[in-house]
Amino acid sequence: MKLLTGFCSILIFACCQLVYAETKINSNLESKVFLNYTQEELDRNYTQTVWAPNFKQIMERMNYRSELTIKTLGEPESYQYDKFSTHKN
């Protein structure tokens, strides 16, 4: 019985080491572009449409409210800070 228990323990340990080694090899195949992130991971985390499935509705609402504000208050005024500024009135 002790022999069987020892054999099972060795077998489990060997399998865990094999899985760990395979995982490490696969993770090294994907190149990291920033810190420990791959390009795919960065794209997935910074694509806001993933987090807001109603993205189009939000943008339409924002555009509508912006147009309504301009109709109510008029076009925004802008002022040149100095004569060297590249900003045009």
PDB file of N, CA and C in Angstrom:
ATOM      1  N   MET A   1       0.821  -1.198   0.000  1.00  0.00           N
ATOM      2  CA  MET A   1       0.000   0.000   0.000  1.00  0.00           C
ATOM      3  C   MET A   1       0.863   1.258   0.000  1.00  0.00           C
ATOM      4  N   LYS A   2       1.938   1.261   0.843  1.00  0.00           N
ATOM      5  CA  LYS A   2       2.821   2.415   0.892  1.00  0.00           C
ATOM      6  C   LYS A   2       3.508   2.621  -0.452  1.00  0.00           C
ATOM      7  N   LEU A   3       3.839   1.520  -1.110  1.00  0.00           N
ATOM      8  CA  LEU A   3       4.495   1.604  -2.409  1.00  0.00           C
ATOM      9  C   LEU A   3       3.563   2.241  -3.434  1.00  0.00           C
ATOM     10  N   LEU A   4       2.300   1.858  -3.411  1.00  0.00           N
ATOM     11  CA  LEU A   4       1.314   2.416  -4.331  1.00  0.00           C
ATOM     12  C   LEU A   4       1.097   3.901  -4.061  1.00  0.00           C
ATOM     13  N   THR A   5       1.029   4.279  -2.796  1.00  0.00           N
ATOM     14  CA  THR A   5       0.862   5.682  -2.427  1.00  0.00           C
ATOM     15  C   THR A   5       2.057   6.505  -2.893  1.00  0.00           C
ATOM     16  N   GLY A   6       3.250   5.978  -2.695  1.00  0.00           N
ATOM     17  CA  GLY A   6       4.469   6.665  -3.135  1.00  0.00           C
ATOM     18  C   GLY A   6       4.503   6.815  -4.644  1.00  0.00           C
ATOM     19  N   PHE A   7       4.123   5.751  -5.352  1.00  0.00           N
ATOM     20  CA  PHE A   7       4.102   5.801  -6.814  1.00  0.00           C
ATOM     21  C   PHE A   7       3.102   6.846  -7.312  1.00  0.00           C
ATOM     22  N   CYS A   8       1.923   6.884  -6.704  1.00  0.00           N
ATOM     23  CA  CYS A   8       0.904   7.874  -7.092  1.00  0.00           C
ATOM     24  C   CYS A   8       1.393   9.294  -6.833  1.00  0.00           C
ATOM     25  N   SER A   9       2.077   9.486  -5.722  1.00  0.00           N
ATOM     26  CA  SER A   9       2.602  10.818  -5.403  1.00  0.00           C
ATOM     27  C   SER A   9       3.624  11.262  -6.439  1.00  0.00           C
ATOM     28  N   ILE A  10       4.516  10.346  -6.818  1.00  0.00           N
ATOM     29  CA  ILE A  10       5.530  10.667  -7.830  1.00  0.00           C
ATOM     30  C   ILE A  10       4.865  10.960  -9.167  1.00  0.00           C
ATOM     31  N   LEU A  11       3.872  10.176  -9.525  1.00  0.00           N
ATOM     32  CA  LEU A  11       3.162  10.369 -10.788  1.00  0.00           C
ATOM     33  C   LEU A  11       2.450  11.721 -10.820  1.00  0.00           C
ATOM     34  N   ILE A  12       1.790  12.083  -9.742  1.00  0.00           N
ATOM     35  CA  ILE A  12       1.099  13.377  -9.664  1.00  0.00           C
ATOM     36  C   ILE A  12       2.103  14.517  -9.754  1.00  0.00           C
ATOM     37  N   PHE A  13       3.222  14.385  -9.046  1.00  0.00           N
ATOM     38  CA  PHE A  13       4.256  15.417  -9.077  1.00  0.00           C
ATOM     39  C   PHE A  13       4.805  15.583 -10.496  1.00  0.00           C
ATOM     40  N   ALA A  14       5.071  14.473 -11.169  1.00  0.00           N
ATOM     41  CA  ALA A  14       5.611  14.525 -12.528  1.00  0.00           C
ATOM     42  C   ALA A  14       4.617  15.182 -13.486  1.00  0.00           C
ATOM     43  N   CYS A  15       3.351  14.854 -13.345  1.00  0.00           N
ATOM     44  CA  CYS A  15       2.323  15.461 -14.208  1.00  0.00           C
ATOM     45  C   CYS A  15       2.234  16.965 -13.975  1.00  0.00           C
ATOM     46  N   CYS A  16       2.301  17.378 -12.724  1.00  0.00           N
ATOM     47  CA  CYS A  16       2.245  18.809 -12.412  1.00  0.00           C
ATOM     48  C   CYS A  16       3.435  19.543 -13.009  1.00  0.00           C
ATOM     49  N   GLN A  17       4.613  18.928 -12.922  1.00  0.00           N
ATOM     50  CA  GLN A  17       5.812  19.545 -13.494  1.00  0.00           C
ATOM     51  C   GLN A  17       5.686  19.666 -15.007  1.00  0.00           C
ATOM     52  N   LEU A  18       5.117  18.660 -15.644  1.00  0.00           N
ATOM     53  CA  LEU A  18       4.941  18.671 -17.090  1.00  0.00           C
ATOM     54  C   LEU A  18       3.969  19.770 -17.513  1.00  0.00           C
ATOM     55  N   VAL A  19       2.867  19.891 -16.811  1.00  0.00           N
ATOM     56  CA  VAL A  19       1.882  20.935 -17.111  1.00  0.00           C
ATOM     57  C   VAL A  19       2.491  22.311 -16.898  1.00  0.00           C
ATOM     58  N   TYR A  20       3.243  22.479 -15.818  1.00  0.00           N
ATOM     59  CA  TYR A  20       3.889  23.763 -15.528  1.00  0.00           C
ATOM     60  C   TYR A  20       4.880  24.125 -16.631  1.00  0.00           C
ATOM     61  N   ALA A  21       5.686  23.151 -17.061  1.00  0.00           N
ATOM     62  CA  ALA A  21       6.677  23.410 -18.109  1.00  0.00           C
ATOM     63  C   ALA A  21       5.993  23.780 -19.418  1.00  0.00           C
ATOM     64  N   GLU A  22       4.914  23.089 -19.759  1.00  0.00           N
ATOM     65  CA  GLU A  22       4.191  23.383 -21.000  1.00  0.00           C
ATOM     66  C   GLU A  22       3.569  24.773 -20.953  1.00  0.00           C
ATOM     67  N   THR A  23       3.015  25.138 -19.816  1.00  0.00           N
ATOM     68  CA  THR A  23       2.428  26.471 -19.654  1.00  0.00           C
ATOM     69  C   THR A  23       3.493  27.545 -19.792  1.00  0.00           C
ATOM     70  N   LYS A  24       4.647  27.305 -19.208  1.00  0.00           N
ATOM     71  CA  LYS A  24       5.741  28.277 -19.273  1.00  0.00           C
ATOM     72  C   LYS A  24       6.228  28.440 -20.710  1.00  0.00           C
ATOM     73  N   ILE A  25       6.343  27.348 -21.454  1.00  0.00           N
ATOM     74  CA  ILE A  25       6.778  27.413 -22.852  1.00  0.00           C
ATOM     75  C   ILE A  25       5.765  28.189 -23.676  1.00  0.00           C
ATOM     76  N   ASN A  26       4.473  27.900 -23.505  1.00  0.00           N
ATOM     77  CA  ASN A  26       3.435  28.592 -24.269  1.00  0.00           C
ATOM     78  C   ASN A  26       3.398  30.076 -23.956  1.00  0.00           C
ATOM     79  N   SER A  27       3.604  30.440 -22.704  1.00  0.00           N
ATOM     80  CA  SER A  27       3.557  31.856 -22.350  1.00  0.00           C
ATOM     81  C   SER A  27       4.770  32.598 -22.897  1.00  0.00           C
ATOM     82  N   ASN A  28       5.902  31.917 -23.051  1.00  0.00           N
ATOM     83  CA  ASN A  28       7.086  32.560 -23.611  1.00  0.00           C
ATOM     84  C   ASN A  28       6.973  32.739 -25.116  1.00  0.00           C
ATOM     85  N   LEU A  29       6.111  31.965 -25.770  1.00  0.00           N
ATOM     86  CA  LEU A  29       5.941  32.090 -27.214  1.00  0.00           C
ATOM     87  C   LEU A  29       5.277  33.406 -27.585  1.00  0.00           C
ATOM     88  N   GLU A  30       4.389  33.902 -26.747  1.00  0.00           N
ATOM     89  CA  GLU A  30       3.732  35.182 -26.991  1.00  0.00           C
ATOM     90  C   GLU A  30       4.639  36.282 -26.468  1.00  0.00           C
ATOM     91  N   SER A  31       5.031  37.191 -27.342  1.00  0.00           N
ATOM     92  CA  SER A  31       5.966  38.228 -26.904  1.00  0.00           C
ATOM     93  C   SER A  31       5.235  39.296 -26.095  1.00  0.00           C
ATOM     94  N   LYS A  32       5.876  39.719 -25.043  1.00  0.00           N
ATOM     95  CA  LYS A  32       5.338  40.768 -24.182  1.00  0.00           C
ATOM     96  C   LYS A  32       5.741  42.110 -24.785  1.00  0.00           C
ATOM     97  N   VAL A  33       4.782  43.015 -24.917  1.00  0.00           N
ATOM     98  CA  VAL A  33       5.080  44.316 -25.512  1.00  0.00           C
ATOM     99  C   VAL A  33       5.145  45.424 -24.480  1.00  0.00           C
ATOM    100  N   PHE A  34       4.481  45.256 -23.339  1.00  0.00           N
ATOM    101  CA  PHE A  34       4.515  46.255 -22.276  1.00  0.00           C
ATOM    102  C   PHE A  34       4.387  45.539 -20.949  1.00  0.00           C
ATOM    103  N   LEU A  35       5.391  45.701 -20.105  1.00  0.00           N
ATOM    104  CA  LEU A  35       5.458  44.995 -18.826  1.00  0.00           C
ATOM    105  C   LEU A  35       5.246  43.505 -19.076  1.00  0.00           C
ATOM    106  N   ASN A  36       4.252  42.898 -18.468  1.00  0.00           N
ATOM    107  CA  ASN A  36       4.006  41.467 -18.680  1.00  0.00           C
ATOM    108  C   ASN A  36       2.795  41.214 -19.562  1.00  0.00           C
ATOM    109  N   TYR A  37       2.439  42.169 -20.420  1.00  0.00           N
ATOM    110  CA  TYR A  37       1.240  42.048 -21.245  1.00  0.00           C
ATOM    111  C   TYR A  37       1.598  41.828 -22.708  1.00  0.00           C
ATOM    112  N   THR A  38       0.844  40.954 -23.361  1.00  0.00           N
ATOM    113  CA  THR A  38       0.971  40.797 -24.806  1.00  0.00           C
ATOM    114  C   THR A  38       0.122  41.869 -25.478  1.00  0.00           C
ATOM    115  N   GLN A  39       0.312  42.034 -26.777  1.00  0.00           N
ATOM    116  CA  GLN A  39      -0.474  43.032 -27.498  1.00  0.00           C
ATOM    117  C   GLN A  39      -1.958  42.695 -27.435  1.00  0.00           C
ATOM    118  N   GLU A  40      -2.278  41.419 -27.527  1.00  0.00           N
ATOM    119  CA  GLU A  40      -3.686  40.997 -27.467  1.00  0.00           C
ATOM    120  C   GLU A  40      -4.315  41.340 -26.116  1.00  0.00           C
ATOM    121  N   GLU A  41      -3.564  41.132 -25.039  1.00  0.00           N
ATOM    122  CA  GLU A  41      -4.083  41.455 -23.705  1.00  0.00           C
ATOM    123  C   GLU A  41      -4.292  42.957 -23.543  1.00  0.00           C
ATOM    124  N   LEU A  42      -3.366  43.752 -24.051  1.00  0.00           N
ATOM    125  CA  LEU A  42      -3.523  45.210 -23.977  1.00  0.00           C
ATOM    126  C   LEU A  42      -4.733  45.669 -24.780  1.00  0.00           C
ATOM    127  N   ASP A  43      -4.864  45.148 -26.001  1.00  0.00           N
ATOM    128  CA  ASP A  43      -6.003  45.531 -26.842  1.00  0.00           C
ATOM    129  C   ASP A  43      -7.322  45.180 -26.168  1.00  0.00           C
ATOM    130  N   ARG A  44      -7.383  44.002 -25.590  1.00  0.00           N
ATOM    131  CA  ARG A  44      -8.615  43.556 -24.935  1.00  0.00           C
ATOM    132  C   ARG A  44      -8.950  44.441 -23.733  1.00  0.00           C
ATOM    133  N   ASN A  45      -7.957  44.863 -22.991  1.00  0.00           N
ATOM    134  CA  ASN A  45      -8.200  45.663 -21.789  1.00  0.00           C
ATOM    135  C   ASN A  45      -8.484  47.128 -22.076  1.00  0.00           C
ATOM    136  N   TYR A  46      -8.027  47.642 -23.216  1.00  0.00           N
ATOM    137  CA  TYR A  46      -8.200  49.064 -23.487  1.00  0.00           C
ATOM    138  C   TYR A  46      -9.224  49.359 -24.571  1.00  0.00           C
ATOM    139  N   THR A  47      -9.917  48.361 -25.074  1.00  0.00           N
ATOM    140  CA  THR A  47     -10.990  48.582 -26.030  1.00  0.00           C
ATOM    141  C   THR A  47     -12.263  48.835 -25.235  1.00  0.00           C
ATOM    142  N   GLN A  48     -12.676  50.082 -25.178  1.00  0.00           N
ATOM    143  CA  GLN A  48     -13.787  50.463 -24.313  1.00  0.00           C
ATOM    144  C   GLN A  48     -15.127  49.903 -24.777  1.00  0.00           C
ATOM    145  N   THR A  49     -15.260  49.598 -26.058  1.00  0.00           N
ATOM    146  CA  THR A  49     -16.532  49.069 -26.547  1.00  0.00           C
ATOM    147  C   THR A  49     -16.837  47.701 -25.944  1.00  0.00           C
ATOM    148  N   VAL A  50     -15.820  46.999 -25.472  1.00  0.00           N
ATOM    149  CA  VAL A  50     -16.050  45.716 -24.802  1.00  0.00           C
ATOM    150  C   VAL A  50     -16.798  45.947 -23.495  1.00  0.00           C
ATOM    151  N   TRP A  51     -16.454  47.025 -22.806  1.00  0.00           N
ATOM    152  CA  TRP A  51     -17.043  47.314 -21.505  1.00  0.00           C
ATOM    153  C   TRP A  51     -18.381  48.042 -21.631  1.00  0.00           C
ATOM    154  N   ALA A  52     -18.634  48.670 -22.776  1.00  0.00           N
ATOM    155  CA  ALA A  52     -19.891  49.395 -22.988  1.00  0.00           C
ATOM    156  C   ALA A  52     -20.547  48.868 -24.262  1.00  0.00           C
ATOM    157  N   PRO A  53     -21.337  47.812 -24.148  1.00  0.00           N
ATOM    158  CA  PRO A  53     -21.966  47.249 -25.341  1.00  0.00           C
ATOM    159  C   PRO A  53     -22.924  48.226 -26.023  1.00  0.00           C
ATOM    160  N   ASN A  54     -23.413  49.237 -25.294  1.00  0.00           N
ATOM    161  CA  ASN A  54     -24.307  50.241 -25.878  1.00  0.00           C
ATOM    162  C   ASN A  54     -23.518  51.487 -26.300  1.00  0.00           C
ATOM    163  N   PHE A  55     -22.305  51.272 -26.763  1.00  0.00           N
ATOM    164  CA  PHE A  55     -21.396  52.345 -27.142  1.00  0.00           C
ATOM    165  C   PHE A  55     -22.015  53.299 -28.168  1.00  0.00           C
ATOM    166  N   LYS A  56     -22.651  52.756 -29.209  1.00  0.00           N
ATOM    167  CA  LYS A  56     -23.253  53.612 -30.248  1.00  0.00           C
ATOM    168  C   LYS A  56     -24.343  54.506 -29.661  1.00  0.00           C
ATOM    169  N   GLN A  57     -25.164  53.944 -28.802  1.00  0.00           N
ATOM    170  CA  GLN A  57     -26.237  54.719 -28.172  1.00  0.00           C
ATOM    171  C   GLN A  57     -25.653  55.841 -27.314  1.00  0.00           C
ATOM    172  N   ILE A  58     -24.605  55.557 -26.581  1.00  0.00           N
ATOM    173  CA  ILE A  58     -23.970  56.575 -25.742  1.00  0.00           C
ATOM    174  C   ILE A  58     -23.407  57.701 -26.601  1.00  0.00           C
ATOM    175  N   MET A  59     -22.731  57.351 -27.698  1.00  0.00           N
ATOM    176  CA  MET A  59     -22.149  58.376 -28.577  1.00  0.00           C
ATOM    177  C   MET A  59     -23.236  59.215 -29.248  1.00  0.00           C
ATOM    178  N   GLU A  60     -24.323  58.582 -29.681  1.00  0.00           N
ATOM    179  CA  GLU A  60     -25.430  59.329 -30.288  1.00  0.00           C
ATOM    180  C   GLU A  60     -26.045  60.298 -29.284  1.00  0.00           C
ATOM    181  N   ARG A  61     -26.230  59.841 -28.058  1.00  0.00           N
ATOM    182  CA  ARG A  61     -26.785  60.699 -27.010  1.00  0.00           C
ATOM    183  C   ARG A  61     -25.855  61.877 -26.717  1.00  0.00           C
ATOM    184  N   MET A  62     -24.562  61.624 -26.664  1.00  0.00           N
ATOM    185  CA  MET A  62     -23.597  62.684 -26.394  1.00  0.00           C
ATOM    186  C   MET A  62     -23.591  63.716 -27.534  1.00  0.00           C
ATOM    187  N   ASN A  63     -23.638  63.246 -28.772  1.00  0.00           N
ATOM    188  CA  ASN A  63     -23.686  64.165 -29.914  1.00  0.00           C
ATOM    189  C   ASN A  63     -24.969  64.990 -29.913  1.00  0.00           C
ATOM    190  N   TYR A  64     -26.094  64.352 -29.602  1.00  0.00           N
ATOM    191  CA  TYR A  64     -27.372  65.057 -29.547  1.00  0.00           C
ATOM    192  C   TYR A  64     -27.339  66.156 -28.493  1.00  0.00           C
ATOM    193  N   ARG A  65     -26.841  65.818 -27.309  1.00  0.00           N
ATOM    194  CA  ARG A  65     -26.787  66.809 -26.226  1.00  0.00           C
ATOM    195  C   ARG A  65     -25.821  67.941 -26.553  1.00  0.00           C
ATOM    196  N   SER A  66     -24.753  67.626 -27.243  1.00  0.00           N
ATOM    197  CA  SER A  66     -23.797  68.657 -27.639  1.00  0.00           C
ATOM    198  C   SER A  66     -24.443  69.627 -28.627  1.00  0.00           C
ATOM    199  N   GLU A  67     -25.148  69.081 -29.616  1.00  0.00           N
ATOM    200  CA  GLU A  67     -25.843  69.936 -30.586  1.00  0.00           C
ATOM    201  C   GLU A  67     -26.906  70.787 -29.896  1.00  0.00           C
ATOM    202  N   LEU A  68     -27.648  70.206 -28.968  1.00  0.00           N
ATOM    203  CA  LEU A  68     -28.675  70.929 -28.230  1.00  0.00           C
ATOM    204  C   LEU A  68     -28.057  72.067 -27.415  1.00  0.00           C
ATOM    205  N   THR A  69     -26.929  71.815 -26.804  1.00  0.00           N
ATOM    206  CA  THR A  69     -26.241  72.842 -26.022  1.00  0.00           C
ATOM    207  C   THR A  69     -25.785  73.987 -26.914  1.00  0.00           C
ATOM    208  N   ILE A  70     -25.244  73.670 -28.089  1.00  0.00           N
ATOM    209  CA  ILE A  70     -24.801  74.719 -29.017  1.00  0.00           C
ATOM    210  C   ILE A  70     -25.989  75.538 -29.502  1.00  0.00           C
ATOM    211  N   LYS A  71     -27.135  74.892 -29.753  1.00  0.00           N
ATOM    212  CA  LYS A  71     -28.332  75.632 -30.160  1.00  0.00           C
ATOM    213  C   LYS A  71     -28.805  76.557 -29.048  1.00  0.00           C
ATOM    214  N   THR A  72     -28.704  76.093 -27.806  1.00  0.00           N
ATOM    215  CA  THR A  72     -29.167  76.881 -26.665  1.00  0.00           C
ATOM    216  C   THR A  72     -28.218  78.026 -26.334  1.00  0.00           C
ATOM    217  N   LEU A  73     -26.936  77.748 -26.268  1.00  0.00           N
ATOM    218  CA  LEU A  73     -25.956  78.742 -25.830  1.00  0.00           C
ATOM    219  C   LEU A  73     -25.229  79.449 -26.973  1.00  0.00           C
ATOM    220  N   GLY A  74     -25.301  78.886 -28.156  1.00  0.00           N
ATOM    221  CA  GLY A  74     -24.556  79.438 -29.285  1.00  0.00           C
ATOM    222  C   GLY A  74     -23.197  78.761 -29.406  1.00  0.00           C
ATOM    223  N   GLU A  75     -22.507  79.130 -30.471  1.00  0.00           N
ATOM    224  CA  GLU A  75     -21.179  78.557 -30.697  1.00  0.00           C
ATOM    225  C   GLU A  75     -20.235  78.977 -29.574  1.00  0.00           C
ATOM    226  N   PRO A  76     -19.315  78.117 -29.201  1.00  0.00           N
ATOM    227  CA  PRO A  76     -18.369  78.482 -28.143  1.00  0.00           C
ATOM    228  C   PRO A  76     -17.448  79.615 -28.596  1.00  0.00           C
ATOM    229  N   GLU A  77     -17.110  80.484 -27.668  1.00  0.00           N
ATOM    230  CA  GLU A  77     -16.194  81.576 -27.967  1.00  0.00           C
ATOM    231  C   GLU A  77     -14.776  81.120 -27.674  1.00  0.00           C
ATOM    232  N   SER A  78     -13.842  81.616 -28.458  1.00  0.00           N
ATOM    233  CA  SER A  78     -12.439  81.302 -28.184  1.00  0.00           C
ATOM    234  C   SER A  78     -11.628  82.582 -28.278  1.00  0.00           C
ATOM    235  N   TYR A  79     -10.603  82.671 -27.477  1.00  0.00           N
ATOM    236  CA  TYR A  79      -9.767  83.863 -27.400  1.00  0.00           C
ATOM    237  C   TYR A  79      -8.309  83.474 -27.576  1.00  0.00           C
ATOM    238  N   GLN A  80      -7.597  84.331 -28.277  1.00  0.00           N
ATOM    239  CA  GLN A  80      -6.172  84.109 -28.470  1.00  0.00           C
ATOM    240  C   GLN A  80      -5.435  84.654 -27.247  1.00  0.00           C
ATOM    241  N   TYR A  81      -4.552  83.849 -26.682  1.00  0.00           N
ATOM    242  CA  TYR A  81      -3.857  84.256 -25.460  1.00  0.00           C
ATOM    243  C   TYR A  81      -2.800  85.330 -25.724  1.00  0.00           C
ATOM    244  N   ASP A  82      -2.103  85.223 -26.811  1.00  0.00           N
ATOM    245  CA  ASP A  82      -1.084  86.218 -27.144  1.00  0.00           C
ATOM    246  C   ASP A  82      -0.942  86.287 -28.655  1.00  0.00           C
ATOM    247  N   LYS A  83      -0.140  87.217 -29.127  1.00  0.00           N
ATOM    248  CA  LYS A  83      -0.020  87.399 -30.579  1.00  0.00           C
ATOM    249  C   LYS A  83       0.766  86.270 -31.236  1.00  0.00           C
ATOM    250  N   PHE A  84       1.443  85.442 -30.450  1.00  0.00           N
ATOM    251  CA  PHE A  84       2.245  84.356 -31.005  1.00  0.00           C
ATOM    252  C   PHE A  84       1.506  83.021 -31.006  1.00  0.00           C
ATOM    253  N   SER A  85       0.337  83.012 -30.458  1.00  0.00           N
ATOM    254  CA  SER A  85      -0.428  81.777 -30.364  1.00  0.00           C
ATOM    255  C   SER A  85      -0.850  81.305 -31.749  1.00  0.00           C
ATOM    256  N   THR A  86      -0.828  80.008 -31.965  1.00  0.00           N
ATOM    257  CA  THR A  86      -1.244  79.445 -33.254  1.00  0.00           C
ATOM    258  C   THR A  86      -2.746  79.226 -33.314  1.00  0.00           C
ATOM    259  N   HIS A  87      -3.430  79.414 -32.195  1.00  0.00           N
ATOM    260  CA  HIS A  87      -4.876  79.219 -32.133  1.00  0.00           C
ATOM    261  C   HIS A  87      -5.576  80.371 -32.853  1.00  0.00           C
ATOM    262  N   LYS A  88      -6.490  80.037 -33.745  1.00  0.00           N
ATOM    263  CA  LYS A  88      -7.234  81.059 -34.503  1.00  0.00           C
ATOM    264  C   LYS A  88      -8.621  81.229 -33.918  1.00  0.00           C
ATOM    265  N   ASN A  89      -9.118  82.468 -33.920  1.00  0.00           N
ATOM    266  CA  ASN A  89     -10.479  82.751 -33.441  1.00  0.00           C
ATOM    267  C   ASN A  89     -11.497  82.278 -34.434  1.00  0.00           C
TER     268      ASN A  89
END
